[in-house]
Amino acid sequence: MKDYLASLTTEGINPETGMIDELSTEGMLELMNQEDAKVHVAVRQEIPRIALAVEALHHALSTGGRMFYIGAGTSGRLGVLDASECLPTFGVDPSLVQGYIAGGDQALRIPVEGCEDDGAEGRALIDQIGVTGKDAVIGISASGSAAFVIEALRRASELGAVTIGVVNNKDTKLSEAADITIAPVVGPEVIAGSTRLKAGTAQKLVLNMLTTTTMVKLGKTYNNLMVDLKASNKKLFDRSLRIIRTATGTDEATAEQYLRQSELDCKLAIMMIKSGLGAEEAKKVLANCGGNLKRAIRACSQVK
């Protein structure tokens, strides 16, 4: 295992940053920015694999399955973050996209050392959260060597779930456990081994792509508008009004009228305005179109 870890790109010494501690403040920042520029290139090279993962996720979520992120350390925190953001952004049920970290929720704030090495706990977690063959499980590990994540994927695979690995090295142990592997290799970190830097940034970009494109394919947006958000506070109420006005061309007073009539359901308000239907009829058409607003509007236009 020592030889394996030593061979990882994420554990390498960056020859470009060896004298970082002797640079000016601006020099250090410029050096970090220069290294960060490598991240988007590495992610772009993985788009074919990301696309495969999105298709798998879309299939799982559109046929009654769920999506689970499993990670350790920085990788786990990023997974939990992305999962938690799906509820306010896309209005999904909290159970649809879930994130878990080795060591439990306490590890989100305070590192719990050693948990990533506990493969048995990874397998137990998969059983505990009730993963089935309908689901998709995404294991995230910069090194690709976290036993907690690897064994979680193996157990998920045994249950028939589709498994996806997000790593920052090629040919890792995690890759062997995944049906699809996304591996943006960003090179050695500015501070050797600190994978919260370029590796973490690359992972965040990948996770953004996975959930955003999957949700778009599920009809959670109208054009590029997040029409499934719930107006649960003043900021989101105001955003909902702007979304309704952008989508329909109506004035603010009308937008607010329909938003309240729809019980703060932005998508339903737009559907009502666009179709001329009442709330209940508009709901039925949306349901028949799988919640896809554009498809529902077109269906009404064809009837007329």
C-alpha atoms as a PDB file:
ATOM      1  CA  MET A   1       0.000   0.000   0.000  1.00  0.00           C
ATOM      2  CA  LYS A   2       2.886   2.375   0.729  1.00  0.00           C
ATOM      3  CA  ASP A   3       4.196   1.933  -2.800  1.00  0.00           C
ATOM      4  CA  TYR A   4       0.701   2.430  -4.198  1.00  0.00           C
ATOM      5  CA  LEU A   5       0.174   5.685  -2.289  1.00  0.00           C
ATOM      6  CA  ALA A   6       3.622   6.970  -3.204  1.00  0.00           C
ATOM      7  CA  SER A   7       2.833   6.462  -6.888  1.00  0.00           C
ATOM      8  CA  LEU A   8      -0.297   8.639  -6.830  1.00  0.00           C
ATOM      9  CA  THR A   9      -0.242  11.953  -8.671  1.00  0.00           C
ATOM     10  CA  THR A  10      -2.113  13.578  -5.800  1.00  0.00           C
ATOM     11  CA  GLU A  11       0.752  12.647  -3.446  1.00  0.00           C
ATOM     12  CA  GLY A  12       3.459  14.050  -5.720  1.00  0.00           C
ATOM     13  CA  ILE A  13       5.738  17.014  -5.106  1.00  0.00           C
ATOM     14  CA  ASN A  14       4.971  19.933  -7.415  1.00  0.00           C
ATOM     15  CA  PRO A  15       8.226  21.186  -9.001  1.00  0.00           C
ATOM     16  CA  GLU A  16       6.553  24.496  -9.871  1.00  0.00           C
ATOM     17  CA  THR A  17       5.787  25.461  -6.278  1.00  0.00           C
ATOM     18  CA  GLY A  18       8.886  24.362  -4.373  1.00  0.00           C
ATOM     19  CA  MET A  19       9.832  27.914  -3.382  1.00  0.00           C
ATOM     20  CA  ILE A  20       6.336  29.149  -2.550  1.00  0.00           C
ATOM     21  CA  ASP A  21       7.362  30.032   0.992  1.00  0.00           C
ATOM     22  CA  GLU A  22       9.903  32.541  -0.335  1.00  0.00           C
ATOM     23  CA  LEU A  23       7.504  34.430  -2.605  1.00  0.00           C
ATOM     24  CA  SER A  24       5.652  37.665  -1.933  1.00  0.00           C
ATOM     25  CA  THR A  25       1.968  37.442  -1.084  1.00  0.00           C
ATOM     26  CA  GLU A  26       1.030  38.340  -4.653  1.00  0.00           C
ATOM     27  CA  GLY A  27       3.566  35.854  -5.966  1.00  0.00           C
ATOM     28  CA  MET A  28       1.993  33.042  -3.946  1.00  0.00           C
ATOM     29  CA  LEU A  29      -1.485  33.970  -5.162  1.00  0.00           C
ATOM     30  CA  GLU A  30      -0.370  34.168  -8.791  1.00  0.00           C
ATOM     31  CA  LEU A  31       1.265  30.755  -8.457  1.00  0.00           C
ATOM     32  CA  MET A  32      -1.905  29.228  -7.021  1.00  0.00           C
ATOM     33  CA  ASN A  33      -3.975  30.821  -9.771  1.00  0.00           C
ATOM     34  CA  GLN A  34      -1.581  29.439 -12.369  1.00  0.00           C
ATOM     35  CA  GLU A  35      -2.007  25.934 -10.942  1.00  0.00           C
ATOM     36  CA  ASP A  36      -5.783  26.310 -10.704  1.00  0.00           C
ATOM     37  CA  ALA A  37      -5.900  27.029 -14.445  1.00  0.00           C
ATOM     38  CA  LYS A  38      -5.011  23.362 -14.997  1.00  0.00           C
ATOM     39  CA  VAL A  39      -8.229  22.194 -13.360  1.00  0.00           C
ATOM     40  CA  HIS A  40     -10.731  23.088 -16.095  1.00  0.00           C
ATOM     41  CA  VAL A  41      -8.518  21.404 -18.714  1.00  0.00           C
ATOM     42  CA  ALA A  42      -8.444  18.174 -16.702  1.00  0.00           C
ATOM     43  CA  VAL A  43     -12.219  18.241 -16.203  1.00  0.00           C
ATOM     44  CA  ARG A  44     -12.880  18.937 -19.880  1.00  0.00           C
ATOM     45  CA  GLN A  45     -10.916  15.826 -20.829  1.00  0.00           C
ATOM     46  CA  GLU A  46     -13.322  13.760 -18.717  1.00  0.00           C
ATOM     47  CA  ILE A  47     -16.527  15.014 -20.361  1.00  0.00           C
ATOM     48  CA  PRO A  48     -17.126  11.721 -22.232  1.00  0.00           C
ATOM     49  CA  ARG A  49     -17.056   9.818 -18.910  1.00  0.00           C
ATOM     50  CA  ILE A  50     -19.127  12.517 -17.177  1.00  0.00           C
ATOM     51  CA  ALA A  51     -21.717  12.164 -19.958  1.00  0.00           C
ATOM     52  CA  LEU A  52     -21.928   8.409 -19.362  1.00  0.00           C
ATOM     53  CA  ALA A  53     -22.453   9.060 -15.670  1.00  0.00           C
ATOM     54  CA  VAL A  54     -25.191  11.616 -16.338  1.00  0.00           C
ATOM     55  CA  GLU A  55     -27.044   9.154 -18.576  1.00  0.00           C
ATOM     56  CA  ALA A  56     -26.828   6.533 -15.829  1.00  0.00           C
ATOM     57  CA  LEU A  57     -28.031   9.000 -13.191  1.00  0.00           C
ATOM     58  CA  HIS A  58     -30.894  10.189 -15.374  1.00  0.00           C
ATOM     59  CA  HIS A  59     -32.009   6.619 -15.954  1.00  0.00           C
ATOM     60  CA  ALA A  60     -31.858   5.842 -12.233  1.00  0.00           C
ATOM     61  CA  LEU A  61     -33.733   8.953 -11.102  1.00  0.00           C
ATOM     62  CA  SER A  62     -36.363   8.739 -13.830  1.00  0.00           C
ATOM     63  CA  THR A  63     -37.195   5.115 -12.993  1.00  0.00           C
ATOM     64  CA  GLY A  64     -37.740   5.445  -9.263  1.00  0.00           C
ATOM     65  CA  GLY A  65     -34.128   5.363  -8.079  1.00  0.00           C
ATOM     66  CA  ARG A  66     -32.066   7.725  -5.964  1.00  0.00           C
ATOM     67  CA  MET A  67     -28.585   9.180  -6.097  1.00  0.00           C
ATOM     68  CA  PHE A  68     -26.054   8.786  -3.276  1.00  0.00           C
ATOM     69  CA  TYR A  69     -22.679  10.483  -2.773  1.00  0.00           C
ATOM     70  CA  ILE A  70     -20.220   8.586  -0.575  1.00  0.00           C
ATOM     71  CA  GLY A  71     -16.883  10.188   0.320  1.00  0.00           C
ATOM     72  CA  ALA A  72     -14.271  10.811   2.984  1.00  0.00           C
ATOM     73  CA  GLY A  73     -12.609  14.034   4.115  1.00  0.00           C
ATOM     74  CA  THR A  74     -12.789  16.874   1.601  1.00  0.00           C
ATOM     75  CA  SER A  75     -14.382  14.557  -0.957  1.00  0.00           C
ATOM     76  CA  GLY A  76     -17.138  13.621   1.468  1.00  0.00           C
ATOM     77  CA  ARG A  77     -17.830  17.239   2.383  1.00  0.00           C
ATOM     78  CA  LEU A  78     -18.143  18.183  -1.273  1.00  0.00           C
ATOM     79  CA  GLY A  79     -20.602  15.346  -1.873  1.00  0.00           C
ATOM     80  CA  VAL A  80     -22.769  16.357   1.091  1.00  0.00           C
ATOM     81  CA  LEU A  81     -22.657  19.980  -0.078  1.00  0.00           C
ATOM     82  CA  ASP A  82     -23.765  19.150  -3.611  1.00  0.00           C
ATOM     83  CA  ALA A  83     -26.551  16.876  -2.402  1.00  0.00           C
ATOM     84  CA  SER A  84     -27.866  19.462   0.062  1.00  0.00           C
ATOM     85  CA  GLU A  85     -27.970  22.161  -2.612  1.00  0.00           C
ATOM     86  CA  CYS A  86     -30.283  20.112  -4.852  1.00  0.00           C
ATOM     87  CA  LEU A  87     -33.285  20.726  -2.596  1.00  0.00           C
ATOM     88  CA  PRO A  88     -33.355  24.567  -2.789  1.00  0.00           C
ATOM     89  CA  THR A  89     -32.112  24.711  -6.380  1.00  0.00           C
ATOM     90  CA  PHE A  90     -34.282  22.056  -7.994  1.00  0.00           C
ATOM     91  CA  GLY A  91     -37.069  21.522  -5.459  1.00  0.00           C
ATOM     92  CA  VAL A  92     -36.386  17.780  -5.175  1.00  0.00           C
ATOM     93  CA  ASP A  93     -37.405  15.576  -2.292  1.00  0.00           C
ATOM     94  CA  PRO A  94     -34.534  15.379   0.249  1.00  0.00           C
ATOM     95  CA  SER A  95     -34.342  11.617  -0.276  1.00  0.00           C
ATOM     96  CA  LEU A  96     -33.661  11.883  -4.023  1.00  0.00           C
ATOM     97  CA  VAL A  97     -30.042  13.079  -3.751  1.00  0.00           C
ATOM     98  CA  GLN A  98     -28.194  12.185  -0.543  1.00  0.00           C
ATOM     99  CA  GLY A  99     -24.632  12.752   0.635  1.00  0.00           C
ATOM    100  CA  TYR A 100     -22.666  10.774   3.238  1.00  0.00           C
ATOM    101  CA  ILE A 101     -19.187  11.191   4.692  1.00  0.00           C
ATOM    102  CA  ALA A 102     -16.946   8.731   6.519  1.00  0.00           C
ATOM    103  CA  GLY A 103     -17.237   9.445  10.226  1.00  0.00           C
ATOM    104  CA  GLY A 104     -20.790  10.774   9.976  1.00  0.00           C
ATOM    105  CA  ASP A 105     -22.050  14.334  10.080  1.00  0.00           C
ATOM    106  CA  GLN A 106     -19.567  15.331  12.779  1.00  0.00           C
ATOM    107  CA  ALA A 107     -16.827  14.851  10.186  1.00  0.00           C
ATOM    108  CA  LEU A 108     -18.293  17.744   8.182  1.00  0.00           C
ATOM    109  CA  ARG A 109     -16.830  20.154  10.751  1.00  0.00           C
ATOM    110  CA  ILE A 110     -14.089  18.237  12.514  1.00  0.00           C
ATOM    111  CA  PRO A 111     -11.905  15.648  10.738  1.00  0.00           C
ATOM    112  CA  VAL A 112     -12.441  12.141  12.114  1.00  0.00           C
ATOM    113  CA  GLU A 113      -9.142  10.449  11.360  1.00  0.00           C
ATOM    114  CA  GLY A 114      -9.034   6.818  10.351  1.00  0.00           C
ATOM    115  CA  CYS A 115     -12.669   6.530   9.239  1.00  0.00           C
ATOM    116  CA  GLU A 116     -11.742   6.497   5.567  1.00  0.00           C
ATOM    117  CA  ASP A 117      -9.782   3.284   6.175  1.00  0.00           C
ATOM    118  CA  ASP A 118     -12.808   1.415   7.557  1.00  0.00           C
ATOM    119  CA  GLY A 119     -14.185  -0.575   4.643  1.00  0.00           C
ATOM    120  CA  ALA A 120     -16.645  -2.456   6.843  1.00  0.00           C
ATOM    121  CA  GLU A 121     -18.297   0.834   7.802  1.00  0.00           C
ATOM    122  CA  GLY A 122     -18.605   1.744   4.128  1.00  0.00           C
ATOM    123  CA  ARG A 123     -20.432  -1.510   3.398  1.00  0.00           C
ATOM    124  CA  ALA A 124     -22.607  -1.097   6.491  1.00  0.00           C
ATOM    125  CA  LEU A 125     -23.595   2.417   5.412  1.00  0.00           C
ATOM    126  CA  ILE A 126     -24.909   1.152   2.072  1.00  0.00           C
ATOM    127  CA  ASP A 127     -27.160  -1.335   3.865  1.00  0.00           C
ATOM    128  CA  GLN A 128     -28.179   1.245   6.466  1.00  0.00           C
ATOM    129  CA  ILE A 129     -29.373   3.814   3.906  1.00  0.00           C
ATOM    130  CA  GLY A 130     -31.214   1.157   1.937  1.00  0.00           C
ATOM    131  CA  VAL A 131     -29.493   1.238  -1.440  1.00  0.00           C
ATOM    132  CA  THR A 132     -31.242  -0.934  -4.043  1.00  0.00           C
ATOM    133  CA  GLY A 133     -30.699  -1.988  -7.621  1.00  0.00           C
ATOM    134  CA  LYS A 134     -32.645   1.059  -8.805  1.00  0.00           C
ATOM    135  CA  ASP A 135     -30.156   3.509  -7.311  1.00  0.00           C
ATOM    136  CA  ALA A 136     -26.897   5.141  -8.379  1.00  0.00           C
ATOM    137  CA  VAL A 137     -23.973   5.471  -5.957  1.00  0.00           C
ATOM    138  CA  ILE A 138     -21.102   7.891  -6.546  1.00  0.00           C
ATOM    139  CA  GLY A 139     -17.888   7.285  -4.628  1.00  0.00           C
ATOM    140  CA  ILE A 140     -15.557  10.287  -4.311  1.00  0.00           C
ATOM    141  CA  SER A 141     -11.896   9.937  -3.319  1.00  0.00           C
ATOM    142  CA  ALA A 142      -9.004  12.043  -4.577  1.00  0.00           C
ATOM    143  CA  SER A 143      -6.513   9.221  -4.109  1.00  0.00           C
ATOM    144  CA  GLY A 144      -8.946   6.486  -5.058  1.00  0.00           C
ATOM    145  CA  SER A 145      -7.676   4.492  -2.096  1.00  0.00           C
ATOM    146  CA  ALA A 146     -10.198   5.251   0.688  1.00  0.00           C
ATOM    147  CA  ALA A 147     -11.410   1.809   1.825  1.00  0.00           C
ATOM    148  CA  PHE A 148     -14.645   3.303   3.188  1.00  0.00           C
ATOM    149  CA  VAL A 149     -15.576   4.545  -0.289  1.00  0.00           C
ATOM    150  CA  ILE A 150     -14.274   1.520  -2.193  1.00  0.00           C
ATOM    151  CA  GLU A 151     -16.169  -0.988  -0.078  1.00  0.00           C
ATOM    152  CA  ALA A 152     -19.305   1.155  -0.199  1.00  0.00           C
ATOM    153  CA  LEU A 153     -19.197   0.981  -3.999  1.00  0.00           C
ATOM    154  CA  ARG A 154     -18.548  -2.752  -3.948  1.00  0.00           C
ATOM    155  CA  ARG A 155     -21.534  -3.339  -1.688  1.00  0.00           C
ATOM    156  CA  ALA A 156     -23.716  -1.078  -3.847  1.00  0.00           C
ATOM    157  CA  SER A 157     -22.656  -3.041  -6.909  1.00  0.00           C
ATOM    158  CA  GLU A 158     -23.572  -6.315  -5.195  1.00  0.00           C
ATOM    159  CA  LEU A 159     -27.052  -4.892  -4.682  1.00  0.00           C
ATOM    160  CA  GLY A 160     -27.341  -4.046  -8.374  1.00  0.00           C
ATOM    161  CA  ALA A 161     -26.895  -0.272  -8.139  1.00  0.00           C
ATOM    162  CA  VAL A 162     -24.937   1.542 -10.838  1.00  0.00           C
ATOM    163  CA  THR A 163     -21.631   2.766  -9.406  1.00  0.00           C
ATOM    164  CA  ILE A 164     -19.621   5.835 -10.387  1.00  0.00           C
ATOM    165  CA  GLY A 165     -16.159   6.792  -9.160  1.00  0.00           C
ATOM    166  CA  VAL A 166     -14.830  10.359  -9.020  1.00  0.00           C
ATOM    167  CA  VAL A 167     -11.050  10.326  -8.487  1.00  0.00           C
ATOM    168  CA  ASN A 168      -7.977  12.399  -9.302  1.00  0.00           C
ATOM    169  CA  ASN A 169      -5.629   9.600 -10.323  1.00  0.00           C
ATOM    170  CA  LYS A 170      -5.723   7.029 -13.095  1.00  0.00           C
ATOM    171  CA  ASP A 171      -6.054   3.270 -12.544  1.00  0.00           C
ATOM    172  CA  THR A 172      -6.998   3.414  -8.875  1.00  0.00           C
ATOM    173  CA  LYS A 173      -8.486   0.848  -6.540  1.00  0.00           C
ATOM    174  CA  LEU A 174     -11.715   2.853  -6.569  1.00  0.00           C
ATOM    175  CA  SER A 175     -11.836   2.648 -10.363  1.00  0.00           C
ATOM    176  CA  GLU A 176     -11.839  -1.137 -10.107  1.00  0.00           C
ATOM    177  CA  ALA A 177     -15.010  -0.963  -8.002  1.00  0.00           C
ATOM    178  CA  ALA A 178     -16.885   1.481 -10.266  1.00  0.00           C
ATOM    179  CA  ASP A 179     -18.916   0.893 -13.413  1.00  0.00           C
ATOM    180  CA  ILE A 180     -17.957   4.379 -14.642  1.00  0.00           C
ATOM    181  CA  THR A 181     -14.861   6.302 -13.561  1.00  0.00           C
ATOM    182  CA  ILE A 182     -14.371  10.061 -13.872  1.00  0.00           C
ATOM    183  CA  ALA A 183     -10.712  10.916 -13.272  1.00  0.00           C
ATOM    184  CA  PRO A 184      -9.637  14.529 -13.815  1.00  0.00           C
ATOM    185  CA  VAL A 185      -5.892  14.406 -13.115  1.00  0.00           C
ATOM    186  CA  VAL A 186      -4.821  17.885 -12.050  1.00  0.00           C
ATOM    187  CA  GLY A 187      -1.223  17.087 -11.102  1.00  0.00           C
ATOM    188  CA  PRO A 188       0.575  17.522  -7.771  1.00  0.00           C
ATOM    189  CA  GLU A 189      -0.901  20.103  -5.441  1.00  0.00           C
ATOM    190  CA  VAL A 190       0.569  23.518  -4.636  1.00  0.00           C
ATOM    191  CA  ILE A 191       1.118  22.173  -1.119  1.00  0.00           C
ATOM    192  CA  ALA A 192       2.045  18.520  -1.562  1.00  0.00           C
ATOM    193  CA  GLY A 193      -0.835  16.178  -0.754  1.00  0.00           C
ATOM    194  CA  SER A 194      -3.346  18.942   0.067  1.00  0.00           C
ATOM    195  CA  THR A 195      -6.147  17.604  -2.110  1.00  0.00           C
ATOM    196  CA  ARG A 196      -8.615  20.214  -0.873  1.00  0.00           C
ATOM    197  CA  LEU A 197      -6.948  22.414  -3.505  1.00  0.00           C
ATOM    198  CA  LYS A 198      -6.890  21.456  -7.216  1.00  0.00           C
ATOM    199  CA  ALA A 199      -8.296  17.970  -6.685  1.00  0.00           C
ATOM    200  CA  GLY A 200     -11.148  19.339  -4.566  1.00  0.00           C
ATOM    201  CA  THR A 201     -11.879  22.062  -7.106  1.00  0.00           C
ATOM    202  CA  ALA A 202     -11.994  19.497  -9.916  1.00  0.00           C
ATOM    203  CA  GLN A 203     -14.340  17.297  -7.889  1.00  0.00           C
ATOM    204  CA  LYS A 204     -16.661  20.246  -7.201  1.00  0.00           C
ATOM    205  CA  LEU A 205     -16.824  21.031 -10.921  1.00  0.00           C
ATOM    206  CA  VAL A 206     -17.618  17.404 -11.736  1.00  0.00           C
ATOM    207  CA  LEU A 207     -20.337  17.171  -9.089  1.00  0.00           C
ATOM    208  CA  ASN A 208     -21.838  20.439 -10.369  1.00  0.00           C
ATOM    209  CA  MET A 209     -22.009  18.888 -13.827  1.00  0.00           C
ATOM    210  CA  LEU A 210     -23.505  15.605 -12.634  1.00  0.00           C
ATOM    211  CA  THR A 211     -26.409  17.072 -10.683  1.00  0.00           C
ATOM    212  CA  THR A 212     -27.085  20.096 -12.887  1.00  0.00           C
ATOM    213  CA  THR A 213     -27.256  18.238 -16.194  1.00  0.00           C
ATOM    214  CA  THR A 214     -29.208  15.366 -14.657  1.00  0.00           C
ATOM    215  CA  MET A 215     -31.767  17.794 -13.221  1.00  0.00           C
ATOM    216  CA  VAL A 216     -32.053  19.647 -16.531  1.00  0.00           C
ATOM    217  CA  LYS A 217     -32.750  16.320 -18.255  1.00  0.00           C
ATOM    218  CA  LEU A 218     -35.391  15.589 -15.592  1.00  0.00           C
ATOM    219  CA  GLY A 219     -37.210  18.822 -16.504  1.00  0.00           C
ATOM    220  CA  LYS A 220     -36.226  20.729 -13.371  1.00  0.00           C
ATOM    221  CA  THR A 221     -35.491  23.867 -15.391  1.00  0.00           C
ATOM    222  CA  TYR A 222     -37.249  25.924 -18.050  1.00  0.00           C
ATOM    223  CA  ASN A 223     -34.573  27.112 -20.450  1.00  0.00           C
ATOM    224  CA  ASN A 224     -31.906  28.083 -17.890  1.00  0.00           C
ATOM    225  CA  LEU A 225     -34.345  29.104 -15.155  1.00  0.00           C
ATOM    226  CA  MET A 226     -34.621  27.131 -11.895  1.00  0.00           C
ATOM    227  CA  VAL A 227     -38.406  26.923 -12.009  1.00  0.00           C
ATOM    228  CA  ASP A 228     -38.680  24.167  -9.400  1.00  0.00           C
ATOM    229  CA  LEU A 229     -37.280  26.269  -6.575  1.00  0.00           C
ATOM    230  CA  LYS A 230     -39.574  26.861  -3.608  1.00  0.00           C
ATOM    231  CA  ALA A 231     -40.061  30.477  -2.470  1.00  0.00           C
ATOM    232  CA  SER A 232     -39.312  29.704   1.174  1.00  0.00           C
ATOM    233  CA  ASN A 233     -37.752  33.061   2.103  1.00  0.00           C
ATOM    234  CA  LYS A 234     -37.752  36.688   0.919  1.00  0.00           C
ATOM    235  CA  LYS A 235     -34.802  36.212  -1.434  1.00  0.00           C
ATOM    236  CA  LEU A 236     -36.325  33.161  -3.088  1.00  0.00           C
ATOM    237  CA  PHE A 237     -39.745  34.830  -3.302  1.00  0.00           C
ATOM    238  CA  ASP A 238     -38.154  37.742  -5.149  1.00  0.00           C
ATOM    239  CA  ARG A 239     -36.180  35.359  -7.362  1.00  0.00           C
ATOM    240  CA  SER A 240     -39.375  33.465  -8.157  1.00  0.00           C
ATOM    241  CA  LEU A 241     -41.043  36.683  -9.286  1.00  0.00           C
ATOM    242  CA  ARG A 242     -38.116  37.485 -11.565  1.00  0.00           C
ATOM    243  CA  ILE A 243     -38.157  33.954 -12.993  1.00  0.00           C
ATOM    244  CA  ILE A 244     -41.903  34.152 -13.683  1.00  0.00           C
ATOM    245  CA  ARG A 245     -41.518  37.556 -15.352  1.00  0.00           C
ATOM    246  CA  THR A 246     -38.601  36.334 -17.475  1.00  0.00           C
ATOM    247  CA  ALA A 247     -40.435  33.189 -18.553  1.00  0.00           C
ATOM    248  CA  THR A 248     -43.781  34.854 -19.315  1.00  0.00           C
ATOM    249  CA  GLY A 249     -43.079  38.533 -19.995  1.00  0.00           C
ATOM    250  CA  THR A 250     -45.705  39.556 -17.460  1.00  0.00           C
ATOM    251  CA  ASP A 251     -45.482  42.437 -14.981  1.00  0.00           C
ATOM    252  CA  GLU A 252     -44.538  42.081 -11.322  1.00  0.00           C
ATOM    253  CA  ALA A 253     -48.074  42.434  -9.964  1.00  0.00           C
ATOM    254  CA  THR A 254     -49.358  39.642 -12.213  1.00  0.00           C
ATOM    255  CA  ALA A 255     -46.359  37.469 -11.403  1.00  0.00           C
ATOM    256  CA  GLU A 256     -47.016  37.880  -7.681  1.00  0.00           C
ATOM    257  CA  GLN A 257     -50.724  37.181  -8.132  1.00  0.00           C
ATOM    258  CA  TYR A 258     -50.057  33.852  -9.855  1.00  0.00           C
ATOM    259  CA  LEU A 259     -47.240  32.904  -7.502  1.00  0.00           C
ATOM    260  CA  ARG A 260     -49.609  33.237  -4.557  1.00  0.00           C
ATOM    261  CA  GLN A 261     -52.407  31.420  -6.398  1.00  0.00           C
ATOM    262  CA  SER A 262     -50.002  28.550  -7.039  1.00  0.00           C
ATOM    263  CA  GLU A 263     -49.067  28.411  -3.337  1.00  0.00           C
ATOM    264  CA  LEU A 264     -45.548  29.699  -4.118  1.00  0.00           C
ATOM    265  CA  ASP A 265     -44.935  27.048  -6.783  1.00  0.00           C
ATOM    266  CA  CYS A 266     -42.943  28.930  -9.419  1.00  0.00           C
ATOM    267  CA  LYS A 267     -43.317  26.283 -12.126  1.00  0.00           C
ATOM    268  CA  LEU A 268     -47.057  26.016 -11.626  1.00  0.00           C
ATOM    269  CA  ALA A 269     -47.436  29.804 -11.744  1.00  0.00           C
ATOM    270  CA  ILE A 270     -45.657  29.921 -15.115  1.00  0.00           C
ATOM    271  CA  MET A 271     -47.775  27.053 -16.409  1.00  0.00           C
ATOM    272  CA  MET A 272     -50.972  28.846 -15.392  1.00  0.00           C
ATOM    273  CA  ILE A 273     -49.949  32.071 -17.107  1.00  0.00           C
ATOM    274  CA  LYS A 274     -48.689  30.364 -20.259  1.00  0.00           C
ATOM    275  CA  SER A 275     -51.654  28.008 -20.628  1.00  0.00           C
ATOM    276  CA  GLY A 276     -54.521  30.052 -19.211  1.00  0.00           C
ATOM    277  CA  LEU A 277     -55.484  27.058 -17.058  1.00  0.00           C
ATOM    278  CA  GLY A 278     -56.479  27.105 -13.416  1.00  0.00           C
ATOM    279  CA  ALA A 279     -54.170  25.649 -10.790  1.00  0.00           C
ATOM    280  CA  GLU A 280     -55.696  22.163 -10.674  1.00  0.00           C
ATOM    281  CA  GLU A 281     -55.857  21.694 -14.444  1.00  0.00           C
ATOM    282  CA  ALA A 282     -52.332  23.070 -14.848  1.00  0.00           C
ATOM    283  CA  LYS A 283     -51.109  20.586 -12.230  1.00  0.00           C
ATOM    284  CA  LYS A 284     -52.679  17.706 -14.139  1.00  0.00           C
ATOM    285  CA  VAL A 285     -51.061  18.677 -17.432  1.00  0.00           C
ATOM    286  CA  LEU A 286     -47.676  19.072 -15.724  1.00  0.00           C
ATOM    287  CA  ALA A 287     -48.059  15.672 -14.080  1.00  0.00           C
ATOM    288  CA  ASN A 288     -48.951  14.063 -17.407  1.00  0.00           C
ATOM    289  CA  CYS A 289     -45.787  15.581 -18.877  1.00  0.00           C
ATOM    290  CA  GLY A 290     -43.571  14.293 -16.067  1.00  0.00           C
ATOM    291  CA  GLY A 291     -43.187  17.751 -14.570  1.00  0.00           C
ATOM    292  CA  ASN A 292     -41.485  19.064 -17.707  1.00  0.00           C
ATOM    293  CA  LEU A 293     -42.768  22.633 -18.058  1.00  0.00           C
ATOM    294  CA  LYS A 294     -41.759  23.176 -21.680  1.00  0.00           C
ATOM    295  CA  ARG A 295     -43.379  19.906 -22.730  1.00  0.00           C
ATOM    296  CA  ALA A 296     -46.556  20.782 -20.804  1.00  0.00           C
ATOM    297  CA  ILE A 297     -46.820  24.217 -22.426  1.00  0.00           C
ATOM    298  CA  ARG A 298     -46.358  22.682 -25.854  1.00  0.00           C
ATOM    299  CA  ALA A 299     -49.029  20.076 -25.086  1.00  0.00           C
ATOM    300  CA  CYS A 300     -51.521  22.844 -24.292  1.00  0.00           C
ATOM    301  CA  SER A 301     -50.603  24.732 -27.448  1.00  0.00           C
ATOM    302  CA  GLN A 302     -51.212  21.633 -29.570  1.00  0.00           C
ATOM    303  CA  VAL A 303     -54.651  21.135 -28.003  1.00  0.00           C
ATOM    304  CA  LYS A 304     -55.602  24.715 -28.767  1.00  0.00           C
END
